[in-house]
Amino acid sequence: MRKYLVFLRAALTAGVLTAAALPAAMATVLNFDDLPDGIVPGSYGGLDWSAASWTAFATPAAPYTAHSGAGRVATGFLADDASSTIRFGQTSIFDGAYFAGLGGAVLSFELYLGGQKVHSSATLDPSATPGFLASGYAGLVDMVRVKSANHGEFVMDDFAFTQAVPEPQSYALLLAGLLAVGLTARRRQAL
């Protein structure tokens, strides 16, 4: 019995160490300062921008003020909501982004998971002073759509999201699996 308890303690320790080695949530803020002026690449910052018509620029231009650094992105004047779609490489929690621009270019987010709209944010009427538009949603998403009746009259900066990590149930299953493997090995060794 004592050997069994020693083994059980070792298996639990191994499970805890394995769970601790798993990746933690990774918060990301894209500030666009590393992009050259021009079209945002289809794959930038771990996101899929290929459906988007975003252009990066760093030249100062009021009222299109950057929140941090000089880089920011803008949509084209003829863009539509569908062309402002940004897809995540893995499910994430989307926090929001900063916007500046002409008053009247009222903005909001539509958040999607698996092709289904799960949330619409509040609205923000931009000005020359960057304002944060929060997503207002703490659940997982795989796509964000920036909506505005006046695309091309605002800029976006500091796009913030957190990539998903396994839920606690996943860690419990991992630990249970490690224990089962260990007990099986122990029984075979005893025979």
Protein backbone atom coordinates (compact mmCIF):
# COMPACT_ATOMS: atom_id res chain seq x y z
CA MET A 1 0.00 0.00 0.00
CA ARG A 2 2.85 2.36 0.85
CA LYS A 3 4.40 1.83 -2.60
CA TYR A 4 1.02 2.64 -4.14
CA LEU A 5 0.83 5.95 -2.22
CA VAL A 6 4.37 6.88 -3.23
CA PHE A 7 3.50 6.13 -6.85
CA LEU A 8 0.24 8.09 -6.61
CA ARG A 9 2.11 11.11 -5.21
CA ALA A 10 4.67 10.91 -8.05
CA ALA A 11 1.90 10.67 -10.66
CA LEU A 12 0.08 13.68 -9.18
CA THR A 13 3.31 15.69 -9.13
CA ALA A 14 3.98 14.78 -12.77
CA GLY A 15 0.42 15.83 -13.68
CA VAL A 16 0.72 19.16 -11.92
CA LEU A 17 4.09 19.86 -13.56
CA THR A 18 2.70 18.95 -16.98
CA ALA A 19 -0.34 21.19 -16.48
CA ALA A 20 1.93 24.03 -15.37
CA ALA A 21 3.98 23.64 -18.55
CA LEU A 22 0.93 24.08 -20.77
CA PRO A 23 0.65 27.51 -22.38
CA ALA A 24 -0.99 30.30 -20.44
CA ALA A 25 -3.33 32.81 -22.04
CA MET A 26 -1.47 35.02 -24.45
CA ALA A 27 -2.69 38.61 -24.53
CA THR A 28 -1.85 40.43 -27.75
CA VAL A 29 -2.13 44.07 -28.76
CA LEU A 30 -1.44 44.83 -32.42
CA ASN A 31 -0.23 48.43 -32.66
CA PHE A 32 0.66 48.28 -36.39
CA ASP A 33 3.97 50.13 -35.77
CA ASP A 34 5.91 47.29 -37.42
CA LEU A 35 4.03 47.53 -40.72
CA PRO A 36 5.29 49.55 -43.68
CA ASP A 37 2.84 51.95 -45.32
CA GLY A 38 0.57 50.00 -47.65
CA ILE A 39 -1.89 47.13 -47.65
CA VAL A 40 -1.97 45.06 -44.44
CA PRO A 41 -0.62 41.57 -45.28
CA GLY A 42 -3.20 38.77 -45.48
CA SER A 43 -1.60 37.13 -42.44
CA TYR A 44 -0.52 39.65 -39.83
CA GLY A 45 -0.27 39.28 -36.07
CA GLY A 46 -1.64 35.75 -36.12
CA LEU A 47 -4.85 36.97 -37.78
CA ASP A 48 -6.30 36.56 -41.26
CA TRP A 49 -6.75 39.97 -42.89
CA SER A 50 -7.23 38.57 -46.41
CA ALA A 51 -10.91 39.59 -46.62
CA ALA A 52 -10.09 43.02 -45.23
CA SER A 53 -9.29 46.16 -47.16
CA TRP A 54 -7.08 47.66 -44.46
CA THR A 55 -4.15 49.95 -45.27
CA ALA A 56 -1.35 50.68 -42.80
CA PHE A 57 0.25 54.10 -42.50
CA ALA A 58 2.43 56.00 -40.05
CA THR A 59 2.39 59.55 -41.44
CA PRO A 60 0.65 61.98 -39.05
CA ALA A 61 -2.72 63.13 -40.40
CA ALA A 62 -5.32 64.83 -38.21
CA PRO A 63 -7.92 63.71 -37.16
CA TYR A 64 -6.58 60.19 -37.86
CA THR A 65 -4.50 60.03 -34.70
CA ALA A 66 -2.64 56.93 -33.51
CA HIS A 67 -3.25 55.81 -29.94
CA SER A 68 0.32 54.54 -29.45
CA GLY A 69 3.34 54.90 -31.67
CA ALA A 70 2.66 56.15 -35.18
CA GLY A 71 1.21 53.09 -36.97
CA ARG A 72 -2.49 52.59 -37.52
CA VAL A 73 -4.74 51.07 -40.14
CA ALA A 74 -7.66 52.42 -42.16
CA THR A 75 -10.22 50.97 -44.52
CA GLY A 76 -10.77 52.29 -48.02
CA PHE A 77 -13.49 54.83 -48.74
CA LEU A 78 -15.38 52.30 -50.85
CA ALA A 79 -15.02 49.51 -48.29
CA ASP A 80 -18.03 47.81 -46.80
CA ASP A 81 -18.63 45.95 -43.55
CA ALA A 82 -17.91 42.58 -45.16
CA SER A 83 -14.48 43.78 -46.31
CA SER A 84 -13.57 44.85 -42.78
CA THR A 85 -13.69 41.25 -41.51
CA ILE A 86 -10.74 40.04 -39.43
CA ARG A 87 -10.43 36.31 -38.66
CA PHE A 88 -8.54 34.80 -35.74
CA GLY A 89 -6.13 31.89 -36.25
CA GLN A 90 -7.56 30.24 -33.13
CA THR A 91 -10.55 31.11 -30.98
CA SER A 92 -9.84 34.16 -28.87
CA ILE A 93 -11.40 36.65 -26.54
CA PHE A 94 -11.56 39.96 -28.36
CA ASP A 95 -11.15 42.98 -26.07
CA GLY A 96 -11.53 45.86 -28.54
CA ALA A 97 -9.49 48.55 -30.32
CA TYR A 98 -8.83 52.28 -30.38
CA PHE A 99 -10.34 54.44 -33.11
CA ALA A 100 -9.88 58.05 -34.21
CA GLY A 101 -11.26 59.96 -37.19
CA LEU A 102 -14.05 62.15 -38.44
CA GLY A 103 -17.12 62.59 -36.28
CA GLY A 104 -20.12 60.81 -37.73
CA ALA A 105 -18.19 57.67 -38.76
CA VAL A 106 -20.00 55.75 -36.01
CA LEU A 107 -18.37 52.35 -35.39
CA SER A 108 -19.31 49.05 -33.80
CA PHE A 109 -18.11 45.44 -33.76
CA GLU A 110 -19.96 42.29 -34.73
CA LEU A 111 -18.41 39.18 -33.17
CA TYR A 112 -18.75 35.68 -34.64
CA LEU A 113 -18.02 32.11 -33.64
CA GLY A 114 -18.40 29.28 -36.14
CA GLY A 115 -20.17 31.55 -38.63
CA GLN A 116 -22.82 32.62 -36.10
CA LYS A 117 -23.02 36.18 -34.78
CA VAL A 118 -22.65 35.98 -31.00
CA HIS A 119 -22.51 39.65 -30.05
CA SER A 120 -22.72 43.25 -31.25
CA SER A 121 -20.78 45.91 -29.37
CA ALA A 122 -21.84 49.36 -28.33
CA THR A 123 -21.05 52.17 -30.77
CA LEU A 124 -18.30 54.78 -30.84
CA ASP A 125 -18.34 58.09 -32.72
CA PRO A 126 -14.65 58.79 -33.36
CA SER A 127 -12.83 62.09 -32.97
CA ALA A 128 -9.21 63.26 -33.24
CA THR A 129 -8.63 61.89 -29.73
CA PRO A 130 -8.41 58.08 -29.95
CA GLY A 131 -11.22 56.35 -28.08
CA PHE A 132 -11.43 52.70 -27.05
CA LEU A 133 -14.32 50.67 -28.39
CA ALA A 134 -14.69 47.63 -26.14
CA SER A 135 -16.17 44.47 -27.59
CA GLY A 136 -18.35 44.07 -24.49
CA TYR A 137 -18.15 40.28 -24.82
CA ALA A 138 -16.06 37.88 -22.73
CA GLY A 139 -16.78 34.73 -24.77
CA LEU A 140 -14.72 33.12 -27.50
CA VAL A 141 -14.84 34.39 -31.07
CA ASP A 142 -13.14 33.49 -34.33
CA MET A 143 -14.06 36.55 -36.39
CA VAL A 144 -14.60 40.29 -35.85
CA ARG A 145 -16.31 42.61 -38.29
CA VAL A 146 -15.78 46.37 -37.95
CA LYS A 147 -19.01 48.11 -38.93
CA SER A 148 -19.47 51.73 -40.01
CA ALA A 149 -21.62 53.64 -42.44
CA ASN A 150 -18.52 55.74 -43.27
CA HIS A 151 -15.60 53.45 -43.98
CA GLY A 152 -12.44 55.37 -44.83
CA GLU A 153 -13.18 58.10 -42.28
CA PHE A 154 -11.54 56.42 -39.27
CA VAL A 155 -8.33 54.66 -38.25
CA MET A 156 -7.86 51.70 -35.91
CA ASP A 157 -4.98 51.17 -33.48
CA ASP A 158 -4.08 48.83 -30.61
CA PHE A 159 -6.29 45.90 -31.62
CA ALA A 160 -6.41 43.78 -28.42
CA PHE A 161 -7.26 40.10 -27.98
CA THR A 162 -6.36 37.08 -25.85
CA GLN A 163 -5.89 33.66 -27.39
CA ALA A 164 -7.88 30.88 -25.75
CA VAL A 165 -6.27 28.29 -23.48
CA PRO A 166 -7.61 24.90 -22.46
CA GLU A 167 -10.33 25.02 -19.82
CA PRO A 168 -9.75 23.50 -16.35
CA GLN A 169 -11.70 20.39 -17.41
CA SER A 170 -8.98 19.73 -20.00
CA TYR A 171 -6.33 19.78 -17.30
CA ALA A 172 -8.42 17.41 -15.15
CA LEU A 173 -8.71 14.99 -18.07
CA LEU A 174 -4.97 15.19 -18.65
CA LEU A 175 -4.29 14.39 -14.99
CA ALA A 176 -6.78 11.51 -15.00
CA GLY A 177 -5.14 10.11 -18.14
CA LEU A 178 -1.68 10.32 -16.58
CA LEU A 179 -2.94 8.51 -13.47
CA ALA A 180 -4.58 5.77 -15.54
CA VAL A 181 -1.41 5.21 -17.57
CA GLY A 182 0.67 5.15 -14.39
CA LEU A 183 -1.62 2.69 -12.62
CA THR A 184 -1.65 0.40 -15.65
CA ALA A 185 2.14 0.46 -15.83
CA ARG A 186 2.35 -0.17 -12.09
CA ARG A 187 0.03 -3.21 -12.30
CA ARG A 188 2.00 -4.68 -15.19
CA GLN A 189 5.22 -4.18 -13.24
CA ALA A 190 3.72 -5.96 -10.19
CA LEU A 191 2.84 -9.04 -12.29
